[in-house]
């Protein structure tokens, strides 16, 4: 895709995704789209923490336009217990309501075929992962507690292909992921920053 074609596509996608409640800056969403569609060494994405699907949709549109790959979306769809905002937002929700809202947003956008939801904790999902080092983009955006972000990184980063990317959401707005990106092993190198996100690349062997 040429630069003008990418800009036109982002302009087309943005108003479709904006109604999904979430905290992802649309410019950061555009970066997710471009990595999924163009930059990743393959079309396989894993997202840890999906909420109602705002960031999932940006990744899935990228996969769809790429014509290959998928997005594995890992979430309990029960909110993060340590985040009081989640507790307030979900106070009136039934046990499956957030998950159904996520699925409904994918259906509305015609992205069901591109997304594989895994309804479980991120660590449970990592222990069930049987696809080896196949992840082109890993999006870490579940619990923002330092210990949880570190656990997600340690459990999932071995599955990222050499030359693949990890994006840490909420850097610098949350101290947990912001601290972790300063402690990464030497085989990860800084690649880019998008609004409230930090991208690193897994160096080829």
Protein backbone atom coordinates (compact mmCIF):
# COMPACT_ATOMS: atom_id res chain seq x y z
CA UNK A 1 0.00 0.00 0.00
CA UNK A 2 1.24 3.48 -0.83
CA UNK A 3 1.29 6.22 1.78
CA UNK A 4 -1.75 7.99 0.34
CA UNK A 5 -3.67 4.70 0.31
CA UNK A 6 -2.83 4.08 3.98
CA UNK A 7 -4.02 7.56 4.95
CA UNK A 8 -7.25 7.06 3.03
CA UNK A 9 -7.85 3.72 4.71
CA UNK A 10 -7.18 5.15 8.18
CA UNK A 11 -9.60 7.96 7.44
CA UNK A 12 -12.20 5.36 6.48
CA UNK A 13 -11.66 3.09 9.48
CA UNK A 14 -11.44 5.68 12.25
CA UNK A 15 -15.14 6.71 12.40
CA UNK A 16 -16.14 3.04 12.40
CA UNK A 17 -14.04 2.29 15.48
CA UNK A 18 -14.55 5.52 17.43
CA UNK A 19 -17.98 4.50 18.87
CA UNK A 20 -16.30 1.63 20.78
CA UNK A 21 -15.75 2.79 24.35
CA UNK A 22 -12.11 2.59 25.37
CA UNK A 23 -8.96 4.59 26.05
CA UNK A 24 -6.88 4.01 22.94
CA UNK A 25 -5.91 7.20 21.13
CA UNK A 26 -7.05 6.91 17.49
CA UNK A 27 -3.58 7.88 16.29
CA UNK A 28 -2.14 4.98 18.30
CA UNK A 29 -4.86 2.83 16.76
CA UNK A 30 -3.64 3.86 13.33
CA UNK A 31 -0.15 2.69 14.26
CA UNK A 32 -1.54 -0.68 15.38
CA UNK A 33 -3.28 -0.96 12.02
CA UNK A 34 -0.13 -0.19 10.06
CA UNK A 35 1.98 -2.69 11.99
CA UNK A 36 -0.65 -5.39 11.51
CA UNK A 37 -1.09 -4.65 7.81
CA UNK A 38 2.45 -3.82 6.77
CA UNK A 39 5.27 -3.94 9.33
CA UNK A 40 4.88 -7.23 11.18
CA UNK A 41 6.89 -10.15 9.77
CA UNK A 42 3.64 -12.12 9.55
CA UNK A 43 -0.05 -11.52 10.11
CA UNK A 44 -0.36 -13.18 13.51
CA UNK A 45 -1.24 -10.86 16.40
CA UNK A 46 -1.88 -11.52 20.09
CA UNK A 47 -3.58 -8.94 22.27
CA UNK A 48 -3.50 -9.24 26.06
CA UNK A 49 -6.43 -7.21 27.34
CA UNK A 50 -9.19 -6.31 24.89
CA UNK A 51 -12.02 -4.69 26.91
CA UNK A 52 -14.72 -3.80 24.33
CA UNK A 53 -12.54 -4.27 21.27
CA UNK A 54 -11.31 -0.79 20.38
CA UNK A 55 -7.67 -1.78 19.88
CA UNK A 56 -8.70 -5.25 18.70
CA UNK A 57 -10.58 -3.67 15.81
CA UNK A 58 -7.56 -1.65 14.65
CA UNK A 59 -5.43 -4.81 14.61
CA UNK A 60 -8.16 -6.86 12.95
CA UNK A 61 -8.67 -4.33 10.16
CA UNK A 62 -4.93 -4.50 9.54
CA UNK A 63 -5.04 -8.29 9.35
CA UNK A 64 -8.10 -8.16 7.09
CA UNK A 65 -6.44 -5.74 4.68
CA UNK A 66 -3.25 -7.76 4.75
CA UNK A 67 -5.25 -10.79 3.63
CA UNK A 68 -3.65 -13.28 6.02
CA UNK A 69 -3.25 -13.94 9.73
CA UNK A 70 -5.46 -13.47 12.77
CA UNK A 71 -5.79 -11.69 16.10
CA UNK A 72 -5.93 -13.80 19.27
CA UNK A 73 -7.66 -11.61 21.86
CA UNK A 74 -7.03 -12.72 25.44
CA UNK A 75 -9.20 -11.33 28.23
CA UNK A 76 -11.39 -12.52 31.09
CA UNK A 77 -13.95 -9.87 30.13
CA UNK A 78 -14.50 -9.31 33.83
CA UNK A 79 -12.42 -6.15 34.20
CA UNK A 80 -9.15 -5.72 36.07
CA UNK A 81 -9.78 -5.96 39.78
CA UNK A 82 -7.01 -3.52 40.71
CA UNK A 83 -8.43 -0.74 38.52
CA UNK A 84 -11.26 1.14 40.22
CA UNK A 85 -12.44 2.64 36.93
CA UNK A 86 -13.24 -0.85 35.64
CA UNK A 87 -15.18 -1.60 38.82
CA UNK A 88 -17.28 1.54 38.39
CA UNK A 89 -17.93 0.99 34.68
CA UNK A 90 -18.95 -2.64 35.20
CA UNK A 91 -21.03 -2.11 38.35
CA UNK A 92 -24.32 -2.69 36.53
CA UNK A 93 -23.04 -5.32 34.09
CA UNK A 94 -24.10 -8.97 34.10
CA UNK A 95 -21.42 -11.70 34.09
CA UNK A 96 -21.30 -12.02 30.28
CA UNK A 97 -22.31 -8.51 29.26
CA UNK A 98 -18.83 -7.10 28.60
CA UNK A 99 -17.88 -10.14 26.52
CA UNK A 100 -21.11 -9.92 24.51
CA UNK A 101 -20.46 -6.23 23.91
CA UNK A 102 -16.97 -7.09 22.63
CA UNK A 103 -18.39 -9.71 20.25
CA UNK A 104 -21.13 -7.33 19.13
CA UNK A 105 -18.58 -4.68 18.19
CA UNK A 106 -16.69 -7.21 16.06
CA UNK A 107 -19.91 -8.29 14.34
CA UNK A 108 -20.85 -4.68 13.59
CA UNK A 109 -17.50 -4.12 11.92
CA UNK A 110 -17.45 -7.43 10.04
CA UNK A 111 -14.30 -8.58 11.84
CA UNK A 112 -15.44 -11.86 13.42
CA UNK A 113 -13.39 -13.97 11.01
CA UNK A 114 -10.19 -12.13 11.92
CA UNK A 115 -10.45 -12.43 15.73
CA UNK A 116 -10.15 -15.49 17.95
CA UNK A 117 -11.29 -14.65 21.52
CA UNK A 118 -9.67 -16.56 24.39
CA UNK A 119 -11.71 -15.96 27.53
CA UNK A 120 -9.22 -16.63 30.30
CA UNK A 121 -6.35 -14.97 32.13
CA UNK A 122 -3.23 -14.06 30.20
CA UNK A 123 -1.13 -16.63 32.09
CA UNK A 124 -3.68 -19.41 31.50
CA UNK A 125 -3.60 -18.54 27.81
CA UNK A 126 0.20 -18.57 27.67
CA UNK A 127 0.24 -22.05 29.23
CA UNK A 128 -2.17 -23.26 26.55
CA UNK A 129 -0.30 -21.65 23.66
CA UNK A 130 0.81 -24.39 21.28
CA UNK A 131 1.78 -22.34 18.23
CA UNK A 132 5.44 -21.81 19.06
CA UNK A 133 7.22 -18.60 18.09
CA UNK A 134 4.55 -17.41 15.69
CA UNK A 135 3.53 -13.97 16.97
CA UNK A 136 4.34 -11.00 14.72
CA UNK A 137 2.88 -8.36 17.05
CA UNK A 138 2.24 -8.82 20.79
CA UNK A 139 0.07 -6.09 22.33
CA UNK A 140 0.39 -6.03 26.14
CA UNK A 141 -2.53 -4.16 27.70
CA UNK A 142 -4.00 -6.28 30.51
CA UNK A 143 -3.33 -5.51 34.19
CA UNK A 144 -1.02 -2.52 34.56
CA UNK A 145 0.49 -3.62 37.86
CA UNK A 146 4.25 -4.00 37.45
CA UNK A 147 4.34 -7.67 38.52
CA UNK A 148 1.51 -8.52 36.12
CA UNK A 149 3.08 -6.72 33.17
CA UNK A 150 6.37 -8.47 33.85
CA UNK A 151 4.62 -11.85 34.06
CA UNK A 152 2.84 -11.20 30.75
CA UNK A 153 6.12 -10.23 29.11
CA UNK A 154 8.01 -13.22 30.49
CA UNK A 155 5.31 -15.74 29.56
CA UNK A 156 4.52 -14.37 26.10
CA UNK A 157 7.69 -12.83 24.68
CA UNK A 158 9.27 -16.22 23.80
CA UNK A 159 6.44 -16.70 21.30
CA UNK A 160 7.30 -13.53 19.35
CA UNK A 161 9.17 -14.28 16.12
CA UNK A 162 12.66 -12.80 15.65
CA UNK A 163 12.06 -9.46 13.96
CA UNK A 164 8.60 -9.27 15.55
CA UNK A 165 7.27 -6.48 17.75
CA UNK A 166 5.92 -5.97 21.25
CA UNK A 167 3.84 -2.90 22.03
CA UNK A 168 3.37 -1.91 25.67
CA UNK A 169 0.22 0.12 26.16
CA UNK A 170 -0.09 2.91 28.73
CA UNK A 171 3.52 4.04 28.61
CA UNK A 172 4.02 6.54 30.23
CA UNK A 173 0.59 6.89 31.87
CA UNK A 174 0.94 3.83 34.16
CA UNK A 175 4.06 3.16 36.25
CA UNK A 176 3.98 -0.63 35.79
CA UNK A 177 4.58 -0.88 32.04
CA UNK A 178 6.64 2.32 32.08
CA UNK A 179 9.10 0.74 34.51
CA UNK A 180 9.22 -2.55 32.63
CA UNK A 181 10.26 -1.03 29.30
CA UNK A 182 13.41 0.25 31.02
CA UNK A 183 14.32 -3.31 32.11
CA UNK A 184 13.98 -5.31 28.90
CA UNK A 185 16.67 -7.82 27.90
CA UNK A 186 19.33 -6.62 25.47
CA UNK A 187 17.83 -8.64 22.59
CA UNK A 188 14.92 -6.18 22.47
CA UNK A 189 15.52 -2.75 20.98
CA UNK A 190 13.40 0.38 21.05
CA UNK A 191 11.62 0.85 17.73
CA UNK A 192 8.95 3.56 18.02
CA UNK A 193 6.55 5.42 20.28
CA UNK A 194 2.92 6.16 19.51
CA UNK A 195 0.50 8.04 21.79
CA UNK A 196 0.79 6.37 25.22
CA UNK A 197 2.48 3.29 23.71
CA UNK A 198 6.05 1.98 23.50
CA UNK A 199 7.17 -0.33 20.67
CA UNK A 200 10.16 -2.66 20.82
CA UNK A 201 11.53 -5.09 18.25
CA UNK A 202 12.85 -8.55 19.01
CA UNK A 203 16.25 -8.55 17.36
CA UNK A 204 16.80 -11.25 14.76
CA UNK A 205 19.16 -14.01 15.92
